[in-house]
Amino acid sequence: MDNKISVWSRILLIISSTFLVISIFVPLWQIELNAPQYPEGLGLKIYPDKLGGDVDIINGLNHYIGMKTLHAEDFIEFSVLVYIIGFYALLALVAAIVGRKKVLYTVFTLFVIFGVVAMVDFWRWEYNYGHELDPHAAIIVPGMAYQPPLIGYKQLLNFGAYSIPDIGGWLFVGSGAFMLLAVIIESKFLKKKKTGTINLAVSLLAIILFSACSHAGPEAINLNKDDCDNCKMSISDKRFACEIVTEKGRAYKFDDVTCLISYKNENIDKMANATFYVNNYLAPNELLPSTNLTFVAGKNVGSPMGGDIAAFTNKDSANVYVTILDAKLITWEEIK
């Protein structure tokens, strides 16, 4: 039985090794904190061997609620992580050079175990960081803990905490994905249908790359429960509701296009590469990218905050309401 791996699998392993090497020099993870007093946001960057970003400011704020200060020397992980990542990069390269299935499967299994252990350790660190509070802190909220989310968004008092992989983290995920593709290509089940093996591998790779590069979609807007992030009024008319989703996937909700534009203009730094969504006037539960819509503007539109702009999926529908509401067509560029 042939125990050698294909050229494609060797290439995937070399790419995987390269990704891991690069991840040593860039941030692995990021935690962003947003609050009214910090509209531009505060960021914590976690590298394999150090902390970066607004560490001093975050430490100053955490002091008031009794959280430990962050110092790289307090974490043993920072003294060994670079070497562990380098070790796995070397293993992937060795697997490519040796070119044996057993080596490939062993390296992939060890890498998955390392990934799981790393995430458990990160969760443990966040738990201890958020729960082990100084009982003599200036601000004590009974029963309150400040554990950041492992991944995603969480509200902590007046701060919104958003946790997501940074460049190095995505490279780490990509490295594992390429190893997985190599395993799939070399599996016995797929070898029975060689013509479909490459197609499956390419399709899986495309899905992974698309998921990593694309924006997160809009969040559903809960009528009469969600407040506008600009004017703070309750969103009560879904026909005019709209949303901004930042490059990092954070969603900001608004009751009127006017509020969306005001918020965007006041938070330019956070809006780089953001996607804007507006509800279809004729299907109020349908948030769509603003660039795909046709807009109608006029005082008879009657939106909540006086923006008086409605969105339609096509020009024909929009023209009907131009006549009905004595309004006019307007482009998204003009609105911005």
Protein backbone atom coordinates (compact mmCIF):
# COMPACT_ATOMS: atom_id res chain seq x y z
CA MET A 1 0.00 0.00 0.00
CA ASP A 2 1.31 3.46 -0.97
CA ASN A 3 1.99 5.43 2.18
CA LYS A 4 3.28 8.55 0.45
CA ILE A 5 1.29 11.77 0.38
CA SER A 6 0.60 13.72 -2.80
CA VAL A 7 2.39 16.82 -4.05
CA TRP A 8 -0.72 18.85 -3.21
CA SER A 9 -0.60 17.70 0.41
CA ARG A 10 3.08 18.59 0.65
CA ILE A 11 2.34 22.09 -0.67
CA LEU A 12 -0.48 22.51 1.84
CA LEU A 13 1.84 21.51 4.68
CA ILE A 14 4.51 23.98 3.55
CA ILE A 15 1.89 26.75 3.45
CA SER A 16 0.69 25.69 6.89
CA SER A 17 4.24 25.86 8.24
CA THR A 18 4.74 29.31 6.69
CA PHE A 19 1.52 30.62 8.26
CA LEU A 20 2.68 29.48 11.70
CA VAL A 21 6.07 31.17 11.31
CA ILE A 22 4.40 34.46 10.34
CA SER A 23 1.98 34.21 13.28
CA ILE A 24 4.92 34.46 15.68
CA PHE A 25 5.51 38.10 14.70
CA VAL A 26 1.95 39.47 14.63
CA PRO A 27 -0.91 39.72 17.19
CA LEU A 28 -2.73 36.44 17.80
CA TRP A 29 -5.82 37.88 19.47
CA GLN A 30 -7.50 41.21 20.11
CA ILE A 31 -9.99 42.43 22.68
CA GLU A 32 -11.71 45.73 21.91
CA LEU A 33 -13.48 47.79 24.57
CA ASN A 34 -16.03 50.44 23.67
CA ALA A 35 -17.80 52.88 25.98
CA PRO A 36 -19.35 56.35 25.69
CA GLN A 37 -16.26 57.94 27.25
CA TYR A 38 -14.04 56.10 24.74
CA PRO A 39 -15.93 56.36 21.44
CA GLU A 40 -12.75 55.51 19.51
CA GLY A 41 -12.43 52.30 21.54
CA LEU A 42 -9.61 50.74 23.54
CA GLY A 43 -7.73 47.76 22.20
CA LEU A 44 -5.71 44.97 23.80
CA LYS A 45 -3.41 43.12 21.40
CA ILE A 46 -2.15 39.70 22.48
CA TYR A 47 1.06 38.60 20.76
CA PRO A 48 2.76 35.21 21.27
CA ASP A 49 5.31 36.87 23.57
CA LYS A 50 3.88 40.21 24.74
CA LEU A 51 0.87 42.48 25.18
CA GLY A 52 0.21 45.49 23.00
CA GLY A 53 -2.36 48.20 22.43
CA ASP A 54 -3.84 50.38 25.17
CA VAL A 55 -2.49 48.27 28.05
CA ASP A 56 -1.72 51.16 30.40
CA ILE A 57 -5.15 52.77 29.98
CA ILE A 58 -6.93 49.45 30.46
CA ASN A 59 -4.87 48.71 33.58
CA GLY A 60 -5.78 52.14 34.97
CA LEU A 61 -9.49 51.52 34.44
CA ASN A 62 -9.35 47.97 35.79
CA HIS A 63 -7.71 49.21 38.99
CA TYR A 64 -10.96 50.92 40.04
CA ILE A 65 -13.01 47.71 39.82
CA GLY A 66 -10.37 45.51 41.43
CA MET A 67 -9.05 43.62 38.41
CA LYS A 68 -5.41 42.60 38.26
CA THR A 69 -3.04 44.68 36.20
CA LEU A 70 -1.78 43.09 33.01
CA HIS A 71 1.94 42.42 32.76
CA ALA A 72 3.47 40.05 30.22
CA GLU A 73 5.94 38.70 32.77
CA ASP A 74 3.04 37.37 34.86
CA PHE A 75 2.06 34.89 32.15
CA ILE A 76 4.23 31.83 31.61
CA GLU A 77 2.57 31.40 28.22
CA PHE A 78 4.48 34.38 26.83
CA SER A 79 7.80 32.70 27.63
CA VAL A 80 7.02 29.44 25.82
CA LEU A 81 4.37 30.14 23.15
CA VAL A 82 6.81 31.35 20.50
CA TYR A 83 8.78 28.11 20.83
CA ILE A 84 5.65 25.94 20.75
CA ILE A 85 4.38 27.63 17.58
CA GLY A 86 7.84 27.33 16.05
CA PHE A 87 7.90 23.63 16.98
CA TYR A 88 4.60 22.99 15.17
CA ALA A 89 5.81 24.97 12.15
CA LEU A 90 8.86 22.70 12.07
CA LEU A 91 6.68 19.59 12.46
CA ALA A 92 4.52 20.64 9.48
CA LEU A 93 7.63 21.22 7.39
CA VAL A 94 9.10 17.85 8.41
CA ALA A 95 5.79 16.16 7.48
CA ALA A 96 6.00 17.77 4.03
CA ILE A 97 9.61 16.63 3.56
CA VAL A 98 9.11 13.08 4.88
CA GLY A 99 5.89 12.81 2.89
CA ARG A 100 4.30 9.94 4.82
CA LYS A 101 0.63 9.69 5.74
CA LYS A 102 1.31 8.48 9.26
CA VAL A 103 3.47 11.56 9.92
CA LEU A 104 0.79 13.85 8.45
CA TYR A 105 -1.95 12.34 10.60
CA THR A 106 0.22 12.52 13.73
CA VAL A 107 1.14 16.17 13.17
CA PHE A 108 -2.49 17.14 12.50
CA THR A 109 -3.71 15.33 15.63
CA LEU A 110 -1.08 16.99 17.80
CA PHE A 111 -1.90 20.38 16.29
CA VAL A 112 -5.63 19.99 17.05
CA ILE A 113 -4.83 18.99 20.64
CA PHE A 114 -2.60 22.04 21.00
CA GLY A 115 -5.33 24.31 19.61
CA VAL A 116 -7.91 22.95 22.07
CA VAL A 117 -5.52 23.23 25.02
CA ALA A 118 -4.60 26.80 24.00
CA MET A 119 -8.24 27.91 23.89
CA VAL A 120 -9.00 26.24 27.24
CA ASP A 121 -5.98 28.00 28.74
CA PHE A 122 -7.12 31.33 27.29
CA TRP A 123 -10.62 30.82 28.74
CA ARG A 124 -9.06 29.94 32.13
CA TRP A 125 -6.99 33.13 32.02
CA GLU A 126 -10.06 35.23 31.17
CA TYR A 127 -12.07 33.57 33.93
CA ASN A 128 -9.43 34.23 36.59
CA TYR A 129 -8.87 37.74 35.29
CA GLY A 130 -12.57 38.57 35.47
CA HIS A 131 -13.44 36.83 38.75
CA GLU A 132 -10.44 37.30 41.06
CA LEU A 133 -11.18 40.85 42.16
CA ASP A 134 -9.68 43.01 44.90
CA PRO A 135 -12.27 43.16 47.72
CA HIS A 136 -11.03 46.65 48.59
CA ALA A 137 -11.50 48.12 45.11
CA ALA A 138 -12.95 51.62 44.76
CA ILE A 139 -15.93 50.32 42.77
CA ILE A 140 -17.62 47.08 43.83
CA VAL A 141 -20.77 45.78 42.12
CA PRO A 142 -22.14 42.84 44.16
CA GLY A 143 -22.24 39.64 42.12
CA MET A 144 -20.56 41.26 39.12
CA ALA A 145 -17.71 39.52 37.26
CA TYR A 146 -15.74 40.98 34.39
CA GLN A 147 -14.72 37.94 32.36
CA PRO A 148 -14.23 38.98 28.71
CA PRO A 149 -15.87 36.79 26.05
CA LEU A 150 -13.75 33.97 24.64
CA ILE A 151 -14.93 35.02 21.20
CA GLY A 152 -17.67 37.45 20.24
CA TYR A 153 -19.34 40.30 22.14
CA LYS A 154 -20.26 40.79 25.80
CA GLN A 155 -21.49 43.80 27.78
CA LEU A 156 -19.46 44.55 30.94
CA LEU A 157 -21.03 47.46 32.85
CA ASN A 158 -20.87 50.40 30.45
CA PHE A 159 -18.17 48.76 28.32
CA GLY A 160 -18.84 46.55 25.36
CA ALA A 161 -16.09 43.92 25.04
CA TYR A 162 -15.44 42.35 21.67
CA SER A 163 -12.99 39.42 21.38
CA ILE A 164 -11.80 38.00 18.09
CA PRO A 165 -8.68 36.47 16.52
CA ASP A 166 -6.19 38.97 15.13
CA ILE A 167 -3.94 38.42 12.11
CA GLY A 168 -1.89 35.73 13.85
CA GLY A 169 -5.01 33.97 15.09
CA TRP A 170 -6.47 33.77 11.60
CA LEU A 171 -3.12 32.52 10.29
CA PHE A 172 -3.22 29.87 13.02
CA VAL A 173 -6.74 28.84 11.96
CA GLY A 174 -5.66 28.85 8.32
CA SER A 175 -2.70 26.65 9.14
CA GLY A 176 -4.99 24.07 10.74
CA ALA A 177 -7.38 24.30 7.80
CA PHE A 178 -4.59 23.54 5.32
CA MET A 179 -3.49 20.57 7.42
CA LEU A 180 -7.09 19.36 7.48
CA LEU A 181 -7.29 19.63 3.69
CA ALA A 182 -4.16 17.54 3.38
CA VAL A 183 -5.70 14.91 5.68
CA ILE A 184 -8.92 14.90 3.62
CA ILE A 185 -6.99 14.50 0.36
CA GLU A 186 -5.04 11.56 1.77
CA SER A 187 -7.97 9.79 3.43
CA LYS A 188 -8.89 6.30 2.20
CA PHE A 189 -12.54 7.21 1.68
CA LEU A 190 -11.78 9.99 -0.74
CA LYS A 191 -9.08 8.01 -2.53
CA LYS A 192 -11.84 5.80 -3.90
CA LYS A 193 -13.09 8.79 -5.86
CA LYS A 194 -9.99 10.64 -6.93
CA THR A 195 -11.83 12.93 -9.32
CA GLY A 196 -13.92 14.31 -6.48
CA THR A 197 -11.05 14.62 -4.02
CA ILE A 198 -9.51 17.79 -5.43
CA ASN A 199 -12.93 19.36 -6.04
CA LEU A 200 -13.91 18.75 -2.42
CA ALA A 201 -10.60 20.09 -1.15
CA VAL A 202 -10.80 23.21 -3.30
CA SER A 203 -14.43 23.82 -2.30
CA LEU A 204 -13.59 23.49 1.39
CA LEU A 205 -10.65 25.85 1.00
CA ALA A 206 -12.84 28.40 -0.77
CA ILE A 207 -15.40 28.26 2.04
CA ILE A 208 -12.69 28.77 4.66
CA LEU A 209 -11.12 31.69 2.82
CA PHE A 210 -14.49 33.30 2.15
CA SER A 211 -15.53 32.95 5.79
CA ALA A 212 -12.27 34.48 7.01
CA CYS A 213 -12.35 37.42 4.61
CA SER A 214 -16.02 38.31 4.49
CA HIS A 215 -17.87 40.68 6.79
CA ALA A 216 -20.21 39.31 9.38
CA GLY A 217 -23.85 39.74 8.42
CA PRO A 218 -26.30 42.08 10.15
CA GLU A 219 -27.90 41.20 13.46
CA ALA A 220 -31.67 40.93 13.71
CA ILE A 221 -33.25 44.10 15.10
CA ASN A 222 -35.66 43.52 18.00
CA LEU A 223 -38.50 45.98 17.61
CA ASN A 224 -39.24 48.09 20.72
CA LYS A 225 -36.35 46.40 22.58
CA ASP A 226 -33.22 47.54 20.76
CA ASP A 227 -32.22 51.19 21.12
CA CYS A 228 -30.69 53.36 18.43
CA ASP A 229 -26.94 53.62 19.02
CA ASN A 230 -27.04 57.29 18.02
CA CYS A 231 -30.14 58.92 19.50
CA LYS A 232 -30.74 56.19 22.16
CA MET A 233 -34.46 56.04 21.33
CA SER A 234 -36.21 52.68 21.00
CA ILE A 235 -36.34 51.32 17.46
CA SER A 236 -40.07 51.11 16.78
CA ASP A 237 -40.48 51.11 12.98
CA LYS A 238 -38.58 48.42 11.11
CA ARG A 239 -39.33 50.01 7.74
CA PHE A 240 -36.60 52.54 8.49
CA ALA A 241 -34.30 50.55 10.76
CA CYS A 242 -30.70 50.24 9.63
CA GLU A 243 -27.38 48.91 10.85
CA ILE A 244 -23.62 49.27 10.59
CA VAL A 245 -21.46 46.14 10.83
CA THR A 246 -17.80 46.96 11.34
CA GLU A 247 -14.89 45.07 9.83
CA LYS A 248 -14.56 43.20 13.15
CA GLY A 249 -18.22 42.16 13.08
CA ARG A 250 -19.60 44.56 15.70
CA ALA A 251 -23.17 45.65 14.88
CA TYR A 252 -24.56 49.14 15.59
CA LYS A 253 -28.33 49.61 15.20
CA PHE A 254 -30.28 52.73 14.25
CA ASP A 255 -33.90 53.82 13.91
CA ASP A 256 -33.28 56.10 10.90
CA VAL A 257 -30.72 56.53 8.14
CA THR A 258 -30.06 60.02 9.53
CA CYS A 259 -28.88 58.48 12.82
CA LEU A 260 -26.70 56.00 10.97
CA ILE A 261 -24.98 58.75 9.00
CA SER A 262 -24.49 60.91 12.11
CA TYR A 263 -22.95 58.02 14.02
CA LYS A 264 -20.70 57.12 11.09
CA ASN A 265 -19.42 60.68 10.78
CA GLU A 266 -18.70 60.93 14.51
CA ASN A 267 -16.83 57.60 14.61
CA ILE A 268 -14.80 57.61 11.42
CA ASP A 269 -11.96 55.53 12.92
CA LYS A 270 -14.28 52.62 13.72
CA MET A 271 -16.05 52.76 10.36
CA ALA A 272 -13.13 51.77 8.11
CA ASN A 273 -14.37 48.99 5.80
CA ALA A 274 -17.72 48.84 7.60
CA THR A 275 -20.82 47.55 5.79
CA PHE A 276 -24.07 49.52 5.91
CA TYR A 277 -27.44 47.75 5.96
CA VAL A 278 -30.88 49.28 5.53
CA ASN A 279 -34.30 47.65 5.81
CA ASN A 280 -36.29 47.11 2.65
CA TYR A 281 -39.30 49.43 3.05
CA LEU A 282 -41.63 46.78 1.57
CA ALA A 283 -40.25 43.90 3.67
CA PRO A 284 -39.34 45.39 7.06
CA ASN A 285 -37.53 42.30 8.36
CA GLU A 286 -35.06 42.34 5.49
CA LEU A 287 -31.77 44.15 6.15
CA LEU A 288 -29.83 44.52 2.89
CA PRO A 289 -26.50 46.12 1.93
CA SER A 290 -27.09 49.80 1.19
CA THR A 291 -25.19 49.58 -2.09
CA ASN A 292 -27.80 47.13 -3.44
CA LEU A 293 -30.76 49.42 -2.74
CA THR A 294 -32.58 52.30 -4.39
CA PHE A 295 -33.60 55.17 -2.09
CA VAL A 296 -36.55 57.53 -2.04
CA ALA A 297 -36.43 60.82 -0.11
CA GLY A 298 -39.18 63.29 0.72
CA LYS A 299 -41.02 64.85 3.65
CA ASN A 300 -44.02 62.54 3.14
CA VAL A 301 -41.89 59.43 3.76
CA GLY A 302 -42.17 60.14 7.48
CA SER A 303 -39.25 58.30 9.08
CA PRO A 304 -38.81 58.42 12.90
CA MET A 305 -36.01 61.01 13.16
CA GLY A 306 -36.89 63.13 10.16
CA GLY A 307 -34.45 61.55 7.74
CA ASP A 308 -37.45 60.80 5.51
CA ILE A 309 -35.57 58.23 3.43
CA ALA A 310 -36.93 54.80 2.45
CA ALA A 311 -35.06 51.93 0.77
CA PHE A 312 -36.28 49.66 -2.03
CA THR A 313 -34.77 46.63 -3.72
CA ASN A 314 -35.36 47.91 -7.25
CA LYS A 315 -35.95 51.12 -9.13
CA ASP A 316 -39.45 50.15 -10.33
CA SER A 317 -40.78 49.83 -6.77
CA ALA A 318 -39.00 53.03 -5.79
CA ASN A 319 -40.58 54.95 -8.69
CA VAL A 320 -44.07 53.91 -7.57
CA TYR A 321 -43.44 55.49 -4.16
CA VAL A 322 -41.87 58.55 -5.74
CA THR A 323 -45.32 59.21 -7.19
CA ILE A 324 -47.32 58.13 -4.13
CA LEU A 325 -45.23 60.15 -1.65
CA ASP A 326 -44.38 63.07 -3.94
CA ALA A 327 -40.71 62.28 -3.32
CA LYS A 328 -37.55 61.85 -5.37
CA LEU A 329 -34.93 59.20 -6.05
CA ILE A 330 -31.61 59.58 -4.21
CA THR A 331 -28.41 57.51 -4.31
CA TRP A 332 -26.54 56.07 -1.34
CA GLU A 333 -23.54 58.21 -2.22
CA GLU A 334 -25.69 61.33 -1.94
CA ILE A 335 -27.04 60.15 1.41
CA LYS A 336 -23.53 59.59 2.80
